[in-house]
């Protein structure tokens, strides 16, 4: 039988020919997608907003108070928080509102600069170690293990004695001498995974120099890990500076920091608890926000969680 079968008996299942090339989802870059996922993390967004407020107050807070942070007024010693002095005054009559935000400048600068310097040095060192491998990797990692075993407190004391200085530069130098070792080990582990990828092998086959491969191909592919490491390193440097200031080997008067303020207030905590509570709250709040921000960035930048 040669009867023709009607086309009406059939139904097309799937896209029409005109819709075959239609993109179901708009193409977005990796970092745009990471930002989209980061915005969905409400806790990380709140931490980012709180950090923005803290940074704003650290920049403009001393000017808002109307007092100079080093200005001494013996007639207003140890006053409690009031409309005149919002955070009260210390034992020398200095306005604590201005001193807290002035001290925040030192603490946050040390945290950010220390983390950035350590991440930069550690990324280059770890990238070289992981890329070349073999004997070079063994020697470089043994050096890292020796440096990690040296407590930074000893390094700080030695540098302050040798340089005869307790400035911010000395403190940063002492904390970053060994602070880059942790990120170096992290980057090395990531590089060992990335260097076996096809695009690295293609660059090697084309004769690209090793340092260009490390800087232009390998480091950008471990950038998400470095960014997360920076956000986790900042609280460590802030706490380290506060600890050194509390021991009296950090920033020296008339300059101040949150750790120095807490150290100065500990002897009078029973009578004037606000003098210790306020700088301690700033330290805890800043460290918590950076930690929550780091958690949010880690989840947002992880390609395995991309939908």
C-alpha atoms as a PDB file:
ATOM      1  CA  UNK A   1       0.000   0.000   0.000  1.00  0.00           C
ATOM      2  CA  UNK A   2       1.420   3.336  -1.041  1.00  0.00           C
ATOM      3  CA  UNK A   3      -0.920   5.537   0.950  1.00  0.00           C
ATOM      4  CA  UNK A   4       0.742   8.725   2.050  1.00  0.00           C
ATOM      5  CA  UNK A   5       0.904   9.274   5.799  1.00  0.00           C
ATOM      6  CA  UNK A   6      -0.424  12.655   6.865  1.00  0.00           C
ATOM      7  CA  UNK A   7       1.936  14.954   8.713  1.00  0.00           C
ATOM      8  CA  UNK A   8      -0.898  15.900  11.041  1.00  0.00           C
ATOM      9  CA  UNK A   9      -0.494  12.556  12.791  1.00  0.00           C
ATOM     10  CA  UNK A  10       2.896  13.557  14.115  1.00  0.00           C
ATOM     11  CA  UNK A  11       3.854  16.053  16.787  1.00  0.00           C
ATOM     12  CA  UNK A  12       7.259  17.678  17.037  1.00  0.00           C
ATOM     13  CA  UNK A  13       8.808  17.159  20.452  1.00  0.00           C
ATOM     14  CA  UNK A  14      11.637  19.492  21.403  1.00  0.00           C
ATOM     15  CA  UNK A  15      12.657  22.903  20.100  1.00  0.00           C
ATOM     16  CA  UNK A  16      11.665  24.157  16.707  1.00  0.00           C
ATOM     17  CA  UNK A  17      14.381  24.717  14.134  1.00  0.00           C
ATOM     18  CA  UNK A  18      14.072  28.444  14.678  1.00  0.00           C
ATOM     19  CA  UNK A  19      14.726  28.000  18.407  1.00  0.00           C
ATOM     20  CA  UNK A  20      17.598  25.537  18.095  1.00  0.00           C
ATOM     21  CA  UNK A  21      20.211  28.254  18.608  1.00  0.00           C
ATOM     22  CA  UNK A  22      18.313  30.014  21.381  1.00  0.00           C
ATOM     23  CA  UNK A  23      20.360  30.469  24.578  1.00  0.00           C
ATOM     24  CA  UNK A  24      18.364  29.337  27.591  1.00  0.00           C
ATOM     25  CA  UNK A  25      20.546  31.289  30.021  1.00  0.00           C
ATOM     26  CA  UNK A  26      22.411  34.537  29.367  1.00  0.00           C
ATOM     27  CA  UNK A  27      26.166  34.182  29.342  1.00  0.00           C
ATOM     28  CA  UNK A  28      27.855  35.828  32.290  1.00  0.00           C
ATOM     29  CA  UNK A  29      31.467  35.903  33.362  1.00  0.00           C
ATOM     30  CA  UNK A  30      32.861  33.947  36.285  1.00  0.00           C
ATOM     31  CA  UNK A  31      33.195  36.990  38.551  1.00  0.00           C
ATOM     32  CA  UNK A  32      29.705  38.291  37.687  1.00  0.00           C
ATOM     33  CA  UNK A  33      28.288  34.911  38.610  1.00  0.00           C
ATOM     34  CA  UNK A  34      30.354  34.939  41.817  1.00  0.00           C
ATOM     35  CA  UNK A  35      28.966  38.382  42.691  1.00  0.00           C
ATOM     36  CA  UNK A  36      25.418  37.106  42.059  1.00  0.00           C
ATOM     37  CA  UNK A  37      25.961  34.218  44.447  1.00  0.00           C
ATOM     38  CA  UNK A  38      27.691  36.451  46.975  1.00  0.00           C
ATOM     39  CA  UNK A  39      24.652  38.778  47.080  1.00  0.00           C
ATOM     40  CA  UNK A  40      22.467  35.804  47.987  1.00  0.00           C
ATOM     41  CA  UNK A  41      24.503  35.319  51.190  1.00  0.00           C
ATOM     42  CA  UNK A  42      22.729  37.722  53.553  1.00  0.00           C
ATOM     43  CA  UNK A  43      25.209  37.254  56.402  1.00  0.00           C
ATOM     44  CA  UNK A  44      28.164  38.153  54.178  1.00  0.00           C
ATOM     45  CA  UNK A  45      26.319  41.224  52.865  1.00  0.00           C
ATOM     46  CA  UNK A  46      25.615  42.406  56.423  1.00  0.00           C
ATOM     47  CA  UNK A  47      29.291  41.865  57.303  1.00  0.00           C
ATOM     48  CA  UNK A  48      30.321  43.898  54.240  1.00  0.00           C
ATOM     49  CA  UNK A  49      27.976  46.753  55.228  1.00  0.00           C
ATOM     50  CA  UNK A  50      29.276  46.779  58.820  1.00  0.00           C
ATOM     51  CA  UNK A  51      32.854  46.843  57.527  1.00  0.00           C
ATOM     52  CA  UNK A  52      31.990  49.754  55.241  1.00  0.00           C
ATOM     53  CA  UNK A  53      30.567  51.663  58.221  1.00  0.00           C
ATOM     54  CA  UNK A  54      33.678  50.904  60.290  1.00  0.00           C
ATOM     55  CA  UNK A  55      35.978  52.070  57.497  1.00  0.00           C
ATOM     56  CA  UNK A  56      33.929  55.256  57.102  1.00  0.00           C
ATOM     57  CA  UNK A  57      34.169  55.998  60.829  1.00  0.00           C
ATOM     58  CA  UNK A  58      37.878  55.189  60.886  1.00  0.00           C
ATOM     59  CA  UNK A  59      38.436  57.746  58.121  1.00  0.00           C
ATOM     60  CA  UNK A  60      36.094  60.507  59.308  1.00  0.00           C
ATOM     61  CA  UNK A  61      35.444  59.638  62.973  1.00  0.00           C
ATOM     62  CA  UNK A  62      38.283  61.688  64.524  1.00  0.00           C
ATOM     63  CA  UNK A  63      37.085  64.790  62.667  1.00  0.00           C
ATOM     64  CA  UNK A  64      33.440  64.220  63.666  1.00  0.00           C
ATOM     65  CA  UNK A  65      34.253  64.279  67.383  1.00  0.00           C
ATOM     66  CA  UNK A  66      35.611  67.809  67.287  1.00  0.00           C
ATOM     67  CA  UNK A  67      38.555  66.804  69.488  1.00  0.00           C
ATOM     68  CA  UNK A  68      42.120  65.883  68.612  1.00  0.00           C
ATOM     69  CA  UNK A  69      42.971  62.348  69.633  1.00  0.00           C
ATOM     70  CA  UNK A  70      46.126  63.478  71.481  1.00  0.00           C
ATOM     71  CA  UNK A  71      44.533  66.511  73.137  1.00  0.00           C
ATOM     72  CA  UNK A  72      44.816  66.329  76.968  1.00  0.00           C
ATOM     73  CA  UNK A  73      42.313  67.975  79.326  1.00  0.00           C
ATOM     74  CA  UNK A  74      43.073  67.166  83.019  1.00  0.00           C
ATOM     75  CA  UNK A  75      39.729  68.642  84.109  1.00  0.00           C
ATOM     76  CA  UNK A  76      37.796  65.923  82.235  1.00  0.00           C
ATOM     77  CA  UNK A  77      39.637  62.772  83.264  1.00  0.00           C
ATOM     78  CA  UNK A  78      37.740  59.453  83.274  1.00  0.00           C
ATOM     79  CA  UNK A  79      34.377  60.938  82.316  1.00  0.00           C
ATOM     80  CA  UNK A  80      31.723  58.473  81.267  1.00  0.00           C
ATOM     81  CA  UNK A  81      29.968  58.529  77.884  1.00  0.00           C
ATOM     82  CA  UNK A  82      27.910  61.704  77.503  1.00  0.00           C
ATOM     83  CA  UNK A  83      26.639  64.166  74.916  1.00  0.00           C
ATOM     84  CA  UNK A  84      29.957  65.985  75.145  1.00  0.00           C
ATOM     85  CA  UNK A  85      32.196  62.911  74.920  1.00  0.00           C
ATOM     86  CA  UNK A  86      30.268  60.118  73.204  1.00  0.00           C
ATOM     87  CA  UNK A  87      32.640  57.348  74.319  1.00  0.00           C
ATOM     88  CA  UNK A  88      33.839  59.158  77.452  1.00  0.00           C
ATOM     89  CA  UNK A  89      37.433  60.149  78.253  1.00  0.00           C
ATOM     90  CA  UNK A  90      40.533  58.320  79.474  1.00  0.00           C
ATOM     91  CA  UNK A  91      42.731  58.894  82.523  1.00  0.00           C
ATOM     92  CA  UNK A  92      44.404  61.899  80.862  1.00  0.00           C
ATOM     93  CA  UNK A  93      41.155  63.510  79.745  1.00  0.00           C
ATOM     94  CA  UNK A  94      41.508  62.600  76.063  1.00  0.00           C
ATOM     95  CA  UNK A  95      38.341  62.027  74.038  1.00  0.00           C
ATOM     96  CA  UNK A  96      37.872  58.289  73.542  1.00  0.00           C
ATOM     97  CA  UNK A  97      35.638  58.674  70.486  1.00  0.00           C
ATOM     98  CA  UNK A  98      38.466  60.322  68.571  1.00  0.00           C
ATOM     99  CA  UNK A  99      41.061  57.906  69.969  1.00  0.00           C
ATOM    100  CA  UNK A 100      39.044  54.795  69.138  1.00  0.00           C
ATOM    101  CA  UNK A 101      38.667  55.741  65.479  1.00  0.00           C
ATOM    102  CA  UNK A 102      42.249  56.999  65.265  1.00  0.00           C
ATOM    103  CA  UNK A 103      43.373  53.665  66.707  1.00  0.00           C
ATOM    104  CA  UNK A 104      41.155  51.895  64.186  1.00  0.00           C
ATOM    105  CA  UNK A 105      43.161  53.487  61.387  1.00  0.00           C
ATOM    106  CA  UNK A 106      46.327  51.849  62.664  1.00  0.00           C
ATOM    107  CA  UNK A 107      44.703  48.455  63.296  1.00  0.00           C
ATOM    108  CA  UNK A 108      42.901  48.243  59.944  1.00  0.00           C
ATOM    109  CA  UNK A 109      45.892  49.559  57.967  1.00  0.00           C
ATOM    110  CA  UNK A 110      48.140  46.948  59.572  1.00  0.00           C
ATOM    111  CA  UNK A 111      45.536  44.244  58.884  1.00  0.00           C
ATOM    112  CA  UNK A 112      44.994  45.149  55.226  1.00  0.00           C
ATOM    113  CA  UNK A 113      48.588  46.024  54.285  1.00  0.00           C
ATOM    114  CA  UNK A 114      49.990  43.033  56.145  1.00  0.00           C
ATOM    115  CA  UNK A 115      47.553  40.633  54.458  1.00  0.00           C
ATOM    116  CA  UNK A 116      48.171  42.104  50.985  1.00  0.00           C
ATOM    117  CA  UNK A 117      51.968  42.043  51.308  1.00  0.00           C
ATOM    118  CA  UNK A 118      51.943  38.497  52.684  1.00  0.00           C
ATOM    119  CA  UNK A 119      49.587  37.309  49.947  1.00  0.00           C
ATOM    120  CA  UNK A 120      51.680  38.897  47.193  1.00  0.00           C
ATOM    121  CA  UNK A 121      54.972  37.429  48.437  1.00  0.00           C
ATOM    122  CA  UNK A 122      53.399  34.077  49.294  1.00  0.00           C
ATOM    123  CA  UNK A 123      51.664  33.788  45.913  1.00  0.00           C
ATOM    124  CA  UNK A 124      54.878  34.387  43.949  1.00  0.00           C
ATOM    125  CA  UNK A 125      56.919  32.090  46.198  1.00  0.00           C
ATOM    126  CA  UNK A 126      54.312  29.315  46.206  1.00  0.00           C
ATOM    127  CA  UNK A 127      53.773  29.657  42.458  1.00  0.00           C
ATOM    128  CA  UNK A 128      57.489  29.231  41.727  1.00  0.00           C
ATOM    129  CA  UNK A 129      57.804  26.316  44.128  1.00  0.00           C
ATOM    130  CA  UNK A 130      54.783  24.448  42.778  1.00  0.00           C
ATOM    131  CA  UNK A 131      55.564  25.112  39.101  1.00  0.00           C
ATOM    132  CA  UNK A 132      59.168  23.908  39.072  1.00  0.00           C
ATOM    133  CA  UNK A 133      58.665  21.097  41.596  1.00  0.00           C
ATOM    134  CA  UNK A 134      61.384  18.530  42.271  1.00  0.00           C
ATOM    135  CA  UNK A 135      64.487  19.679  44.131  1.00  0.00           C
ATOM    136  CA  UNK A 136      63.524  23.357  43.831  1.00  0.00           C
ATOM    137  CA  UNK A 137      60.196  22.622  45.529  1.00  0.00           C
ATOM    138  CA  UNK A 138      61.889  20.594  48.294  1.00  0.00           C
ATOM    139  CA  UNK A 139      64.386  23.340  49.125  1.00  0.00           C
ATOM    140  CA  UNK A 140      61.827  26.156  49.026  1.00  0.00           C
ATOM    141  CA  UNK A 141      59.342  24.274  51.205  1.00  0.00           C
ATOM    142  CA  UNK A 142      62.009  23.432  53.787  1.00  0.00           C
ATOM    143  CA  UNK A 143      62.762  27.159  54.043  1.00  0.00           C
ATOM    144  CA  UNK A 144      59.043  27.822  54.600  1.00  0.00           C
ATOM    145  CA  UNK A 145      58.867  25.188  57.331  1.00  0.00           C
ATOM    146  CA  UNK A 146      61.807  26.760  59.152  1.00  0.00           C
ATOM    147  CA  UNK A 147      60.256  30.243  58.973  1.00  0.00           C
ATOM    148  CA  UNK A 148      56.841  29.029  60.125  1.00  0.00           C
ATOM    149  CA  UNK A 149      58.425  27.480  63.215  1.00  0.00           C
ATOM    150  CA  UNK A 150      59.731  30.902  64.342  1.00  0.00           C
ATOM    151  CA  UNK A 151      57.145  32.729  66.542  1.00  0.00           C
ATOM    152  CA  UNK A 152      56.490  36.210  65.191  1.00  0.00           C
ATOM    153  CA  UNK A 153      56.646  37.582  68.757  1.00  0.00           C
ATOM    154  CA  UNK A 154      60.368  36.809  68.830  1.00  0.00           C
ATOM    155  CA  UNK A 155      60.802  38.449  65.443  1.00  0.00           C
ATOM    156  CA  UNK A 156      58.995  41.584  66.658  1.00  0.00           C
ATOM    157  CA  UNK A 157      61.169  41.852  69.758  1.00  0.00           C
ATOM    158  CA  UNK A 158      64.383  41.333  67.763  1.00  0.00           C
ATOM    159  CA  UNK A 159      63.437  43.925  65.155  1.00  0.00           C
ATOM    160  CA  UNK A 160      62.410  46.532  67.716  1.00  0.00           C
ATOM    161  CA  UNK A 161      65.775  46.064  69.445  1.00  0.00           C
ATOM    162  CA  UNK A 162      67.859  46.022  66.247  1.00  0.00           C
ATOM    163  CA  UNK A 163      66.041  48.917  64.562  1.00  0.00           C
ATOM    164  CA  UNK A 164      65.438  50.742  67.861  1.00  0.00           C
ATOM    165  CA  UNK A 165      61.920  51.548  66.692  1.00  0.00           C
ATOM    166  CA  UNK A 166      58.330  50.610  67.538  1.00  0.00           C
ATOM    167  CA  UNK A 167      56.714  52.309  64.576  1.00  0.00           C
ATOM    168  CA  UNK A 168      53.990  50.922  62.326  1.00  0.00           C
ATOM    169  CA  UNK A 169      56.575  50.053  59.661  1.00  0.00           C
ATOM    170  CA  UNK A 170      58.601  47.999  62.140  1.00  0.00           C
ATOM    171  CA  UNK A 171      55.470  46.188  63.277  1.00  0.00           C
ATOM    172  CA  UNK A 172      54.408  45.441  59.709  1.00  0.00           C
ATOM    173  CA  UNK A 173      57.880  44.254  58.762  1.00  0.00           C
ATOM    174  CA  UNK A 174      58.075  41.929  61.749  1.00  0.00           C
ATOM    175  CA  UNK A 175      54.630  40.420  61.153  1.00  0.00           C
ATOM    176  CA  UNK A 176      55.092  39.893  57.402  1.00  0.00           C
ATOM    177  CA  UNK A 177      58.578  38.333  57.575  1.00  0.00           C
ATOM    178  CA  UNK A 178      56.977  34.992  58.396  1.00  0.00           C
ATOM    179  CA  UNK A 179      53.324  35.814  57.696  1.00  0.00           C
ATOM    180  CA  UNK A 180      53.541  34.944  53.992  1.00  0.00           C
ATOM    181  CA  UNK A 181      54.460  31.306  54.594  1.00  0.00           C
ATOM    182  CA  UNK A 182      50.886  30.094  55.076  1.00  0.00           C
ATOM    183  CA  UNK A 183      49.600  31.483  51.785  1.00  0.00           C
ATOM    184  CA  UNK A 184      52.726  30.171  50.041  1.00  0.00           C
ATOM    185  CA  UNK A 185      51.820  26.620  51.039  1.00  0.00           C
ATOM    186  CA  UNK A 186      48.206  27.103  49.926  1.00  0.00           C
ATOM    187  CA  UNK A 187      49.201  28.515  46.529  1.00  0.00           C
ATOM    188  CA  UNK A 188      51.783  25.766  46.017  1.00  0.00           C
ATOM    189  CA  UNK A 189      49.088  23.113  46.487  1.00  0.00           C
ATOM    190  CA  UNK A 190      46.804  24.844  43.990  1.00  0.00           C
ATOM    191  CA  UNK A 191      49.610  25.278  41.459  1.00  0.00           C
ATOM    192  CA  UNK A 192      50.432  21.578  41.607  1.00  0.00           C
ATOM    193  CA  UNK A 193      46.868  20.926  40.435  1.00  0.00           C
ATOM    194  CA  UNK A 194      46.690  23.680  37.811  1.00  0.00           C
ATOM    195  CA  UNK A 195      50.063  23.118  36.125  1.00  0.00           C
ATOM    196  CA  UNK A 196      48.932  19.778  34.692  1.00  0.00           C
ATOM    197  CA  UNK A 197      46.066  21.429  32.790  1.00  0.00           C
ATOM    198  CA  UNK A 198      46.082  21.620  29.008  1.00  0.00           C
ATOM    199  CA  UNK A 199      46.419  25.400  28.713  1.00  0.00           C
ATOM    200  CA  UNK A 200      49.642  25.329  30.765  1.00  0.00           C
ATOM    201  CA  UNK A 201      51.051  22.514  28.634  1.00  0.00           C
ATOM    202  CA  UNK A 202      50.124  24.476  25.499  1.00  0.00           C
ATOM    203  CA  UNK A 203      51.979  27.552  26.779  1.00  0.00           C
ATOM    204  CA  UNK A 204      55.028  25.402  27.541  1.00  0.00           C
ATOM    205  CA  UNK A 205      54.900  23.870  24.060  1.00  0.00           C
ATOM    206  CA  UNK A 206      54.828  27.357  22.531  1.00  0.00           C
ATOM    207  CA  UNK A 207      58.000  28.255  24.401  1.00  0.00           C
ATOM    208  CA  UNK A 208      56.500  30.778  26.862  1.00  0.00           C
ATOM    209  CA  UNK A 209      58.935  31.628  29.640  1.00  0.00           C
ATOM    210  CA  UNK A 210      58.209  30.043  33.047  1.00  0.00           C
ATOM    211  CA  UNK A 211      57.746  33.357  34.885  1.00  0.00           C
ATOM    212  CA  UNK A 212      55.167  34.454  32.300  1.00  0.00           C
ATOM    213  CA  UNK A 213      53.308  31.161  32.677  1.00  0.00           C
ATOM    214  CA  UNK A 214      53.260  31.622  36.458  1.00  0.00           C
ATOM    215  CA  UNK A 215      52.110  35.259  36.358  1.00  0.00           C
ATOM    216  CA  UNK A 216      49.727  35.141  33.379  1.00  0.00           C
ATOM    217  CA  UNK A 217      48.300  31.613  33.467  1.00  0.00           C
ATOM    218  CA  UNK A 218      48.713  29.948  36.860  1.00  0.00           C
ATOM    219  CA  UNK A 219      48.299  32.763  39.420  1.00  0.00           C
ATOM    220  CA  UNK A 220      45.044  34.099  37.832  1.00  0.00           C
ATOM    221  CA  UNK A 221      43.558  30.602  38.059  1.00  0.00           C
ATOM    222  CA  UNK A 222      44.219  30.412  41.802  1.00  0.00           C
ATOM    223  CA  UNK A 223      43.132  34.022  42.358  1.00  0.00           C
ATOM    224  CA  UNK A 224      39.914  33.011  44.101  1.00  0.00           C
ATOM    225  CA  UNK A 225      41.886  31.073  46.712  1.00  0.00           C
ATOM    226  CA  UNK A 226      44.194  34.061  47.227  1.00  0.00           C
ATOM    227  CA  UNK A 227      41.272  36.469  47.690  1.00  0.00           C
ATOM    228  CA  UNK A 228      39.697  34.237  50.317  1.00  0.00           C
ATOM    229  CA  UNK A 229      43.061  33.839  52.057  1.00  0.00           C
ATOM    230  CA  UNK A 230      43.434  37.635  52.251  1.00  0.00           C
ATOM    231  CA  UNK A 231      40.054  38.028  53.977  1.00  0.00           C
ATOM    232  CA  UNK A 232      41.045  35.388  56.520  1.00  0.00           C
ATOM    233  CA  UNK A 233      44.512  36.883  57.052  1.00  0.00           C
ATOM    234  CA  UNK A 234      43.250  40.385  57.860  1.00  0.00           C
ATOM    235  CA  UNK A 235      41.659  39.373  61.213  1.00  0.00           C
ATOM    236  CA  UNK A 236      44.858  37.559  62.132  1.00  0.00           C
ATOM    237  CA  UNK A 237      46.969  40.663  61.589  1.00  0.00           C
ATOM    238  CA  UNK A 238      44.491  42.867  63.455  1.00  0.00           C
ATOM    239  CA  UNK A 239      44.502  40.487  66.412  1.00  0.00           C
ATOM    240  CA  UNK A 240      48.302  40.194  66.245  1.00  0.00           C
ATOM    241  CA  UNK A 241      48.672  43.976  66.384  1.00  0.00           C
ATOM    242  CA  UNK A 242      46.163  44.172  69.253  1.00  0.00           C
ATOM    243  CA  UNK A 243      48.047  41.465  71.143  1.00  0.00           C
ATOM    244  CA  UNK A 244      51.376  43.225  70.708  1.00  0.00           C
ATOM    245  CA  UNK A 245      49.820  46.549  71.714  1.00  0.00           C
ATOM    246  CA  UNK A 246      48.311  44.899  74.781  1.00  0.00           C
ATOM    247  CA  UNK A 247      51.784  43.654  75.752  1.00  0.00           C
ATOM    248  CA  UNK A 248      53.215  47.147  75.316  1.00  0.00           C
ATOM    249  CA  UNK A 249      55.514  46.360  72.372  1.00  0.00           C
ATOM    250  CA  UNK A 250      53.240  47.697  69.650  1.00  0.00           C
ATOM    251  CA  UNK A 251      52.424  51.261  68.621  1.00  0.00           C
ATOM    252  CA  UNK A 252      53.738  53.774  71.157  1.00  0.00           C
ATOM    253  CA  UNK A 253      52.085  57.000  72.459  1.00  0.00           C
ATOM    254  CA  UNK A 254      50.972  59.505  71.398  1.00  0.00           C
ATOM    255  CA  UNK A 255      49.861  57.244  68.536  1.00  0.00           C
ATOM    256  CA  UNK A 256      47.341  54.613  69.447  1.00  0.00           C
ATOM    257  CA  UNK A 257      45.556  51.487  68.257  1.00  0.00           C
ATOM    258  CA  UNK A 258      42.753  49.318  69.551  1.00  0.00           C
ATOM    259  CA  UNK A 259      45.224  47.040  71.303  1.00  0.00           C
ATOM    260  CA  UNK A 260      47.001  49.984  72.959  1.00  0.00           C
ATOM    261  CA  UNK A 261      43.656  51.388  74.141  1.00  0.00           C
ATOM    262  CA  UNK A 262      42.677  48.039  75.628  1.00  0.00           C
ATOM    263  CA  UNK A 263      46.063  47.731  77.332  1.00  0.00           C
ATOM    264  CA  UNK A 264      45.779  51.207  78.856  1.00  0.00           C
ATOM    265  CA  UNK A 265      42.265  50.483  80.170  1.00  0.00           C
ATOM    266  CA  UNK A 266      42.900  47.103  81.787  1.00  0.00           C
ATOM    267  CA  UNK A 267      44.228  48.540  85.056  1.00  0.00           C
ATOM    268  CA  UNK A 268      41.042  50.561  85.585  1.00  0.00           C
ATOM    269  CA  UNK A 269      38.521  48.053  84.277  1.00  0.00           C
ATOM    270  CA  UNK A 270      36.777  47.670  87.645  1.00  0.00           C
ATOM    271  CA  UNK A 271      36.047  51.409  87.845  1.00  0.00           C
ATOM    272  CA  UNK A 272      35.720  52.430  84.173  1.00  0.00           C
ATOM    273  CA  UNK A 273      34.734  49.314  82.187  1.00  0.00           C
ATOM    274  CA  UNK A 274      33.673  51.320  79.127  1.00  0.00           C
ATOM    275  CA  UNK A 275      37.316  52.214  78.438  1.00  0.00           C
ATOM    276  CA  UNK A 276      38.105  48.526  77.850  1.00  0.00           C
ATOM    277  CA  UNK A 277      34.754  47.464  76.422  1.00  0.00           C
ATOM    278  CA  UNK A 278      34.672  49.865  73.452  1.00  0.00           C
ATOM    279  CA  UNK A 279      38.074  49.058  71.834  1.00  0.00           C
ATOM    280  CA  UNK A 280      37.587  45.361  72.585  1.00  0.00           C
ATOM    281  CA  UNK A 281      34.195  45.487  70.860  1.00  0.00           C
ATOM    282  CA  UNK A 282      35.773  47.112  67.788  1.00  0.00           C
ATOM    283  CA  UNK A 283      38.450  44.405  67.593  1.00  0.00           C
ATOM    284  CA  UNK A 284      35.895  41.601  67.929  1.00  0.00           C
ATOM    285  CA  UNK A 285      33.439  43.186  65.475  1.00  0.00           C
ATOM    286  CA  UNK A 286      36.075  43.802  62.807  1.00  0.00           C
ATOM    287  CA  UNK A 287      37.512  40.295  63.079  1.00  0.00           C
ATOM    288  CA  UNK A 288      34.029  38.728  62.966  1.00  0.00           C
ATOM    289  CA  UNK A 289      33.015  40.728  59.891  1.00  0.00           C
ATOM    290  CA  UNK A 290      36.174  39.829  57.972  1.00  0.00           C
ATOM    291  CA  UNK A 291      35.711  36.162  58.886  1.00  0.00           C
ATOM    292  CA  UNK A 292      32.072  36.147  57.728  1.00  0.00           C
ATOM    293  CA  UNK A 293      33.090  38.017  54.570  1.00  0.00           C
ATOM    294  CA  UNK A 294      35.754  35.380  53.906  1.00  0.00           C
ATOM    295  CA  UNK A 295      33.175  32.592  54.304  1.00  0.00           C
ATOM    296  CA  UNK A 296      30.881  34.328  51.823  1.00  0.00           C
ATOM    297  CA  UNK A 297      33.657  34.845  49.286  1.00  0.00           C
ATOM    298  CA  UNK A 298      34.796  31.237  49.629  1.00  0.00           C
ATOM    299  CA  UNK A 299      31.304  29.978  48.797  1.00  0.00           C
ATOM    300  CA  UNK A 300      30.804  32.507  45.982  1.00  0.00           C
ATOM    301  CA  UNK A 301      34.150  31.892  44.280  1.00  0.00           C
ATOM    302  CA  UNK A 302      34.002  28.095  44.461  1.00  0.00           C
ATOM    303  CA  UNK A 303      33.290  26.960  40.857  1.00  0.00           C
ATOM    304  CA  UNK A 304      31.916  23.650  42.140  1.00  0.00           C
ATOM    305  CA  UNK A 305      28.933  25.508  43.634  1.00  0.00           C
ATOM    306  CA  UNK A 306      28.085  27.286  40.373  1.00  0.00           C
ATOM    307  CA  UNK A 307      24.601  26.527  39.091  1.00  0.00           C
END
